[in-house]
PDB file of all heavy atoms in Angstrom:
ATOM      1  N   GLY A   1      -0.470   2.477 -12.479  1.00  0.00           N
ATOM      2  CA  GLY A   1       0.719   1.790 -12.968  1.00  0.00           C
ATOM      3  C   GLY A   1       1.270   0.798 -11.973  1.00  0.00           C
ATOM      4  O   GLY A   1       2.159   0.002 -12.295  1.00  0.00           O
ATOM      5  N   THR A   2       0.741   0.826 -10.748  1.00  0.00           N
ATOM      6  CA  THR A   2       1.111  -0.165  -9.738  1.00  0.00           C
ATOM      7  C   THR A   2       0.453  -1.500 -10.078  1.00  0.00           C
ATOM      8  O   THR A   2      -0.678  -1.540 -10.569  1.00  0.00           O
ATOM      9  CB  THR A   2       0.670   0.312  -8.348  1.00  0.00           C
ATOM     10  OG1 THR A   2       1.406   1.496  -8.010  1.00  0.00           O
ATOM     11  CG2 THR A   2       0.903  -0.744  -7.286  1.00  0.00           C
ATOM     12  N   SER A   3       1.145  -2.594  -9.823  1.00  0.00           N
ATOM     13  CA  SER A   3       0.611  -3.924 -10.122  1.00  0.00           C
ATOM     14  C   SER A   3      -0.712  -4.165  -9.409  1.00  0.00           C
ATOM     15  O   SER A   3      -1.012  -3.564  -8.362  1.00  0.00           O
ATOM     16  CB  SER A   3       1.609  -5.005  -9.704  1.00  0.00           C
ATOM     17  OG  SER A   3       2.793  -4.926 -10.460  1.00  0.00           O
ATOM     18  N   GLY A   4      -1.494  -5.078  -9.973  1.00  0.00           N
ATOM     19  CA  GLY A   4      -2.758  -5.455  -9.355  1.00  0.00           C
ATOM     20  C   GLY A   4      -2.539  -6.284  -8.103  1.00  0.00           C
ATOM     21  O   GLY A   4      -1.429  -6.772  -7.827  1.00  0.00           O
ATOM     22  N   ALA A   5      -3.595  -6.447  -7.323  1.00  0.00           N
ATOM     23  CA  ALA A   5      -3.531  -7.284  -6.125  1.00  0.00           C
ATOM     24  C   ALA A   5      -3.039  -8.677  -6.510  1.00  0.00           C
ATOM     25  O   ALA A   5      -3.370  -9.205  -7.572  1.00  0.00           O
ATOM     26  CB  ALA A   5      -4.903  -7.364  -5.465  1.00  0.00           C
ATOM     27  N   CYS A   6      -2.229  -9.269  -5.642  1.00  0.00           N
ATOM     28  CA  CYS A   6      -1.564 -10.525  -5.978  1.00  0.00           C
ATOM     29  C   CYS A   6      -2.074 -11.672  -5.115  1.00  0.00           C
ATOM     30  O   CYS A   6      -2.831 -11.473  -4.156  1.00  0.00           O
ATOM     31  CB  CYS A   6      -0.058 -10.362  -5.820  1.00  0.00           C
ATOM     32  SG  CYS A   6       0.453  -9.872  -4.161  1.00  0.00           S
ATOM     33  N   GLN A   7      -1.614 -12.878  -5.432  1.00  0.00           N
ATOM     34  CA  GLN A   7      -2.005 -14.065  -4.666  1.00  0.00           C
ATOM     35  C   GLN A   7      -1.413 -14.057  -3.273  1.00  0.00           C
ATOM     36  O   GLN A   7      -2.052 -14.447  -2.306  1.00  0.00           O
ATOM     37  CB  GLN A   7      -1.512 -15.330  -5.380  1.00  0.00           C
ATOM     38  CG  GLN A   7      -2.327 -15.811  -6.540  1.00  0.00           C
ATOM     39  CD  GLN A   7      -1.753 -17.133  -7.048  1.00  0.00           C
ATOM     40  OE1 GLN A   7      -0.752 -17.155  -7.742  1.00  0.00           O
ATOM     41  NE2 GLN A   7      -2.382 -18.218  -6.661  1.00  0.00           N
ATOM     42  N   GLY A   8      -0.150 -13.654  -3.176  1.00  0.00           N
ATOM     43  CA  GLY A   8       0.584 -13.751  -1.922  1.00  0.00           C
ATOM     44  C   GLY A   8       0.384 -12.568  -1.002  1.00  0.00           C
ATOM     45  O   GLY A   8      -0.365 -11.623  -1.300  1.00  0.00           O
ATOM     46  N   PRO A   9       1.087 -12.580   0.150  1.00  0.00           N
ATOM     47  CA  PRO A   9       0.772 -11.656   1.246  1.00  0.00           C
ATOM     48  C   PRO A   9       1.503 -10.323   1.240  1.00  0.00           C
ATOM     49  O   PRO A   9       1.783  -9.761   2.308  1.00  0.00           O
ATOM     50  CB  PRO A   9       1.171 -12.477   2.468  1.00  0.00           C
ATOM     51  CG  PRO A   9       2.301 -13.310   1.993  1.00  0.00           C
ATOM     52  CD  PRO A   9       2.020 -13.631   0.567  1.00  0.00           C
ATOM     53  N   VAL A  10       1.824  -9.787   0.040  1.00  0.00           N
ATOM     54  CA  VAL A  10       2.417  -8.447   0.001  1.00  0.00           C
ATOM     55  C   VAL A  10       1.395  -7.395  -0.408  1.00  0.00           C
ATOM     56  O   VAL A  10       1.751  -6.251  -0.694  1.00  0.00           O
ATOM     57  CB  VAL A  10       3.658  -8.385  -0.914  1.00  0.00           C
ATOM     58  CG1 VAL A  10       4.770  -9.238  -0.350  1.00  0.00           C
ATOM     59  CG2 VAL A  10       3.321  -8.803  -2.331  1.00  0.00           C
ATOM     60  N   ASN A  11       0.120  -7.748  -0.433  1.00  0.00           N
ATOM     61  CA  ASN A  11      -0.940  -6.766  -0.626  1.00  0.00           C
ATOM     62  C   ASN A  11      -1.045  -5.883   0.612  1.00  0.00           C
ATOM     63  O   ASN A  11      -0.674  -6.287   1.720  1.00  0.00           O
ATOM     64  CB  ASN A  11      -2.290  -7.463  -0.823  1.00  0.00           C
ATOM     65  CG  ASN A  11      -2.290  -8.416  -1.997  1.00  0.00           C
ATOM     66  OD1 ASN A  11      -2.290  -8.010  -3.147  1.00  0.00           O
ATOM     67  ND2 ASN A  11      -2.307  -9.718  -1.699  1.00  0.00           N
ATOM     68  N   ILE A  12      -1.579  -4.683   0.440  1.00  0.00           N
ATOM     69  CA  ILE A  12      -1.921  -3.849   1.589  1.00  0.00           C
ATOM     70  C   ILE A  12      -3.285  -3.219   1.354  1.00  0.00           C
ATOM     71  O   ILE A  12      -3.719  -3.051   0.220  1.00  0.00           O
ATOM     72  CB  ILE A  12      -0.868  -2.754   1.866  1.00  0.00           C
ATOM     73  CG1 ILE A  12      -0.737  -1.785   0.682  1.00  0.00           C
ATOM     74  CG2 ILE A  12       0.460  -3.361   2.227  1.00  0.00           C
ATOM     75  CD1 ILE A  12       0.207  -0.606   0.960  1.00  0.00           C
ATOM     76  N   SER A  13      -3.967  -2.891   2.423  1.00  0.00           N
ATOM     77  CA  SER A  13      -5.265  -2.224   2.320  1.00  0.00           C
ATOM     78  C   SER A  13      -5.068  -0.742   2.036  1.00  0.00           C
ATOM     79  O   SER A  13      -3.979  -0.186   2.227  1.00  0.00           O
ATOM     80  CB  SER A  13      -6.059  -2.402   3.618  1.00  0.00           C
ATOM     81  OG  SER A  13      -5.437  -1.684   4.673  1.00  0.00           O
ATOM     82  N   ARG A  14      -6.125  -0.091   1.593  1.00  0.00           N
ATOM     83  CA  ARG A  14      -6.059   1.347   1.323  1.00  0.00           C
ATOM     84  C   ARG A  14      -5.679   2.121   2.593  1.00  0.00           C
ATOM     85  O   ARG A  14      -4.919   3.100   2.529  1.00  0.00           O
ATOM     86  CB  ARG A  14      -7.407   1.835   0.779  1.00  0.00           C
ATOM     87  CG  ARG A  14      -7.440   3.318   0.423  1.00  0.00           C
ATOM     88  CD  ARG A  14      -8.764   3.684  -0.215  1.00  0.00           C
ATOM     89  NE  ARG A  14      -8.899   3.045  -1.517  1.00  0.00           N
ATOM     90  CZ  ARG A  14      -8.591   3.622  -2.673  1.00  0.00           C
ATOM     91  NH1 ARG A  14      -8.119   4.851  -2.691  1.00  0.00           N
ATOM     92  NH2 ARG A  14      -8.747   2.983  -3.807  1.00  0.00           N
ATOM     93  N   ALA A  15      -6.188   1.684   3.729  1.00  0.00           N
ATOM     94  CA  ALA A  15      -5.846   2.357   4.986  1.00  0.00           C
ATOM     95  C   ALA A  15      -4.343   2.319   5.222  1.00  0.00           C
ATOM     96  O   ALA A  15      -3.723   3.318   5.612  1.00  0.00           O
ATOM     97  CB  ALA A  15      -6.581   1.692   6.147  1.00  0.00           C
ATOM     98  N   THR A  16      -3.737   1.175   4.970  1.00  0.00           N
ATOM     99  CA  THR A  16      -2.299   1.034   5.162  1.00  0.00           C
ATOM    100  C   THR A  16      -1.531   1.867   4.147  1.00  0.00           C
ATOM    101  O   THR A  16      -0.508   2.494   4.476  1.00  0.00           O
ATOM    102  CB  THR A  16      -1.897  -0.444   5.044  1.00  0.00           C
ATOM    103  OG1 THR A  16      -2.680  -1.217   5.948  1.00  0.00           O
ATOM    104  CG2 THR A  16      -0.431  -0.632   5.369  1.00  0.00           C
ATOM    105  N   ALA A  17      -2.012   1.889   2.903  1.00  0.00           N
ATOM    106  CA  ALA A  17      -1.343   2.683   1.861  1.00  0.00           C
ATOM    107  C   ALA A  17      -1.322   4.161   2.234  1.00  0.00           C
ATOM    108  O   ALA A  17      -0.283   4.836   2.117  1.00  0.00           O
ATOM    109  CB  ALA A  17      -2.036   2.470   0.519  1.00  0.00           C
ATOM    110  N   GLU A  18      -2.461   4.678   2.675  1.00  0.00           N
ATOM    111  CA  GLU A  18      -2.513   6.096   3.046  1.00  0.00           C
ATOM    112  C   GLU A  18      -1.617   6.382   4.250  1.00  0.00           C
ATOM    113  O   GLU A  18      -0.996   7.445   4.339  1.00  0.00           O
ATOM    114  CB  GLU A  18      -3.959   6.506   3.311  1.00  0.00           C
ATOM    115  CG  GLU A  18      -4.824   6.494   2.054  1.00  0.00           C
ATOM    116  CD  GLU A  18      -6.139   7.226   2.226  1.00  0.00           C
ATOM    117  OE1 GLU A  18      -6.285   7.970   3.217  1.00  0.00           O
ATOM    118  OE2 GLU A  18      -7.019   7.062   1.358  1.00  0.00           O
ATOM    119  N   ALA A  19      -1.538   5.418   5.178  1.00  0.00           N
ATOM    120  CA  ALA A  19      -0.668   5.602   6.338  1.00  0.00           C
ATOM    121  C   ALA A  19       0.792   5.674   5.909  1.00  0.00           C
ATOM    122  O   ALA A  19       1.569   6.475   6.446  1.00  0.00           O
ATOM    123  CB  ALA A  19      -0.875   4.457   7.323  1.00  0.00           C
ATOM    124  N   SER A  20       1.187   4.853   4.927  1.00  0.00           N
ATOM    125  CA  SER A  20       2.581   4.869   4.472  1.00  0.00           C
ATOM    126  C   SER A  20       2.899   6.163   3.720  1.00  0.00           C
ATOM    127  O   SER A  20       4.027   6.683   3.804  1.00  0.00           O
ATOM    128  CB  SER A  20       2.878   3.655   3.596  1.00  0.00           C
ATOM    129  OG  SER A  20       2.083   3.633   2.432  1.00  0.00           O
ATOM    130  N   ILE A  21       1.927   6.696   2.999  1.00  0.00           N
ATOM    131  CA  ILE A  21       2.110   7.986   2.322  1.00  0.00           C
ATOM    132  C   ILE A  21       2.334   9.093   3.357  1.00  0.00           C
ATOM    133  O   ILE A  21       3.207   9.956   3.197  1.00  0.00           O
ATOM    134  CB  ILE A  21       0.898   8.291   1.432  1.00  0.00           C
ATOM    135  CG1 ILE A  21       0.848   7.300   0.261  1.00  0.00           C
ATOM    136  CG2 ILE A  21       0.933   9.729   0.922  1.00  0.00           C
ATOM    137  CD1 ILE A  21      -0.475   7.276  -0.479  1.00  0.00           C
ATOM    138  N   TYR A  22       1.560   9.045   4.414  1.00  0.00           N
ATOM    139  CA  TYR A  22       1.724  10.005   5.507  1.00  0.00           C
ATOM    140  C   TYR A  22       3.154   9.954   6.056  1.00  0.00           C
ATOM    141  O   TYR A  22       3.812  10.993   6.247  1.00  0.00           O
ATOM    142  CB  TYR A  22       0.718   9.705   6.622  1.00  0.00           C
ATOM    143  CG  TYR A  22       1.009  10.423   7.918  1.00  0.00           C
ATOM    144  CD1 TYR A  22       0.510  11.696   8.155  1.00  0.00           C
ATOM    145  CD2 TYR A  22       1.805   9.830   8.893  1.00  0.00           C
ATOM    146  CE1 TYR A  22       0.796  12.370   9.340  1.00  0.00           C
ATOM    147  CE2 TYR A  22       2.099  10.490  10.073  1.00  0.00           C
ATOM    148  CZ  TYR A  22       1.597  11.754  10.297  1.00  0.00           C
ATOM    149  OH  TYR A  22       1.898  12.412  11.462  1.00  0.00           O
ATOM    150  N   VAL A  23       3.651   8.731   6.304  1.00  0.00           N
ATOM    151  CA  VAL A  23       5.000   8.582   6.861  1.00  0.00           C
ATOM    152  C   VAL A  23       6.042   9.156   5.906  1.00  0.00           C
ATOM    153  O   VAL A  23       6.963   9.877   6.319  1.00  0.00           O
ATOM    154  CB  VAL A  23       5.301   7.100   7.160  1.00  0.00           C
ATOM    155  CG1 VAL A  23       6.766   6.921   7.554  1.00  0.00           C
ATOM    156  CG2 VAL A  23       4.401   6.593   8.268  1.00  0.00           C
ATOM    157  N   ALA A  24       5.908   8.853   4.610  1.00  0.00           N
ATOM    158  CA  ALA A  24       6.873   9.363   3.635  1.00  0.00           C
ATOM    159  C   ALA A  24       6.894  10.888   3.620  1.00  0.00           C
ATOM    160  O   ALA A  24       7.966  11.513   3.614  1.00  0.00           O
ATOM    161  CB  ALA A  24       6.537   8.824   2.249  1.00  0.00           C
ATOM    162  N   LEU A  25       5.716  11.501   3.627  1.00  0.00           N
ATOM    163  CA  LEU A  25       5.653  12.962   3.587  1.00  0.00           C
ATOM    164  C   LEU A  25       6.196  13.584   4.868  1.00  0.00           C
ATOM    165  O   LEU A  25       6.808  14.661   4.840  1.00  0.00           O
ATOM    166  CB  LEU A  25       4.211  13.414   3.330  1.00  0.00           C
ATOM    167  CG  LEU A  25       3.657  13.049   1.947  1.00  0.00           C
ATOM    168  CD1 LEU A  25       2.199  13.479   1.828  1.00  0.00           C
ATOM    169  CD2 LEU A  25       4.488  13.682   0.831  1.00  0.00           C
ATOM    170  N   LYS A  26       6.002  12.915   5.992  1.00  0.00           N
ATOM    171  CA  LYS A  26       6.559  13.436   7.244  1.00  0.00           C
ATOM    172  C   LYS A  26       8.079  13.385   7.243  1.00  0.00           C
ATOM    173  O   LYS A  26       8.754  14.209   7.872  1.00  0.00           O
ATOM    174  CB  LYS A  26       6.005  12.652   8.434  1.00  0.00           C
ATOM    175  CG  LYS A  26       4.669  13.168   8.944  1.00  0.00           C
ATOM    176  CD  LYS A  26       4.806  14.529   9.628  1.00  0.00           C
ATOM    177  CE  LYS A  26       5.508  14.392  10.955  1.00  0.00           C
ATOM    178  NZ  LYS A  26       6.134  15.643  11.415  1.00  0.00           N
TER     179      LYS A  26
END
């Protein structure tokens, strides 16, 4: 349900996404 990758620079890599999930859970 998350939007698809976009033209501009607010995309993130899977590595970054998993890192942010880690931070939220901590």
